[in-house]
Each structure stands twice: as structure tokens, then as C-alpha cells.
Amino acid sequence: MEIQRIDDNQWYILGSADLEEVQEALNIELPIDEYETFSGYALSQLGRIPDDGTQLEIDLDTMIINVRELRITVSDKPLCI
């Protein structure tokens, strides 16, 4: 599965996930005409290949993107450390 809901506020999304499917699953507007995959969109926002542990905040209802083991996870609330 490329898009999995973890809980009410977190999703696990593979970078290869179709951006339009991500948009539908998360019920948010994404630039689906500009990018095909979620990783393409996330990488364009970051501007580089991320290192493990990279955290990127995108201003879409406070979406937080975390990179773990070069995988991308999404949370709509900041993580408590």
C-alpha cells in the first residue's frame, strides 16, 4: 500500500504514491498538474535530496513531512520530542 493512515493525524505515504491519490486521501489541495508523485512534490518543496531525520513543514494546514529511512511520512500535527 502506498498510502496508509496511521491514526487520526498521521499518514504513511511512499514517495512513489500518485499525488492525486494523496490529495484525495488527505482531502487537501496539492499541485497535481505540476507533479506526478508525492516524492516529486516533497523534494521540490525541500529543494534537495533529504537526509534521514529531515523534517519539512509545508503550509497546507500545518502538514509536517518527516523523512525516515529515506521514506516520507506525513503528520498534520507537529511531533512532540
Protein backbone atom coordinates (compact mmCIF):
# COMPACT_ATOMS: atom_id res chain seq x y z
CA MET A 1 0.00 0.00 0.00
CA GLU A 2 1.40 3.37 -0.96
CA ILE A 3 -0.88 5.42 1.31
CA GLN A 4 -1.73 4.23 4.82
CA ARG A 5 -3.49 6.06 7.61
CA ILE A 6 -1.58 5.51 10.87
CA ASP A 7 -4.00 7.38 13.13
CA ASP A 8 -6.26 10.44 13.03
CA ASN A 9 -3.32 12.77 12.48
CA GLN A 10 -0.67 10.70 10.70
CA TRP A 11 -0.22 9.00 7.35
CA TYR A 12 2.49 6.81 5.87
CA ILE A 13 2.97 7.68 2.22
CA LEU A 14 5.51 6.12 -0.10
CA GLY A 15 7.31 8.59 -2.30
CA SER A 16 6.05 6.72 -5.35
CA ALA A 17 2.41 7.40 -4.40
CA ASP A 18 0.44 9.21 -7.10
CA LEU A 19 0.00 12.81 -5.97
CA GLU A 20 -3.66 12.88 -7.00
CA GLU A 21 -4.31 9.83 -4.79
CA VAL A 22 -2.53 11.57 -1.90
CA GLN A 23 -4.68 14.64 -2.45
CA GLU A 24 -7.84 12.52 -2.30
CA ALA A 25 -6.75 10.50 0.74
CA LEU A 26 -5.74 13.55 2.79
CA ASN A 27 -8.57 15.71 1.45
CA ILE A 28 -6.24 18.63 0.68
CA GLU A 29 -5.31 20.59 -2.43
CA LEU A 30 -1.96 19.66 -3.97
CA PRO A 31 -0.38 20.80 -7.26
CA ILE A 32 -1.36 17.64 -9.15
CA ASP A 33 -0.80 19.33 -12.53
CA GLU A 34 2.84 20.03 -11.65
CA TYR A 35 3.94 16.73 -10.02
CA GLU A 36 3.09 13.08 -10.56
CA THR A 37 4.37 11.58 -7.31
CA PHE A 38 4.39 12.58 -3.68
CA SER A 39 8.18 12.44 -3.56
CA GLY A 40 8.41 14.77 -6.56
CA TYR A 41 6.27 17.29 -4.73
CA ALA A 42 8.05 16.89 -1.38
CA LEU A 43 11.50 17.10 -2.96
CA SER A 44 10.54 20.24 -4.85
CA GLN A 45 9.48 21.86 -1.57
CA LEU A 46 12.73 20.87 0.14
CA GLY A 47 14.95 21.66 -2.84
CA ARG A 48 17.36 18.77 -2.25
CA ILE A 49 17.57 15.05 -1.51
CA PRO A 50 16.79 14.78 2.21
CA ASP A 51 18.88 13.07 4.84
CA ASP A 52 17.29 10.68 7.33
CA GLY A 53 15.56 12.66 10.03
CA THR A 54 14.87 15.64 7.79
CA GLN A 55 11.68 17.44 8.73
CA LEU A 56 9.93 19.74 6.29
CA GLU A 57 6.88 21.83 7.10
CA ILE A 58 4.58 22.68 4.21
CA ASP A 59 1.95 25.34 4.70
CA LEU A 60 -1.07 23.14 3.95
CA ASP A 61 -2.95 23.14 7.22
CA THR A 62 0.38 22.63 9.03
CA MET A 63 1.39 19.48 7.16
CA ILE A 64 4.64 18.11 8.53
CA ILE A 65 6.73 15.80 6.35
CA ASN A 66 9.31 13.61 8.10
CA VAL A 67 11.91 11.55 6.29
CA ARG A 68 12.74 8.23 7.93
CA GLU A 69 14.98 5.63 6.34
CA LEU A 70 14.60 7.70 3.19
CA ARG A 71 10.84 7.17 3.44
CA ILE A 72 8.43 10.04 3.82
CA THR A 73 5.72 10.16 6.48
CA VAL A 74 3.15 12.88 6.89
CA SER A 75 1.58 14.30 10.03
CA ASP A 76 -0.85 17.16 10.36
CA LYS A 77 0.42 17.97 13.85
CA PRO A 78 3.99 18.73 14.95
CA LEU A 79 5.67 15.81 16.65
CA CYS A 80 6.49 16.09 20.36
CA ILE A 81 10.11 15.28 21.10
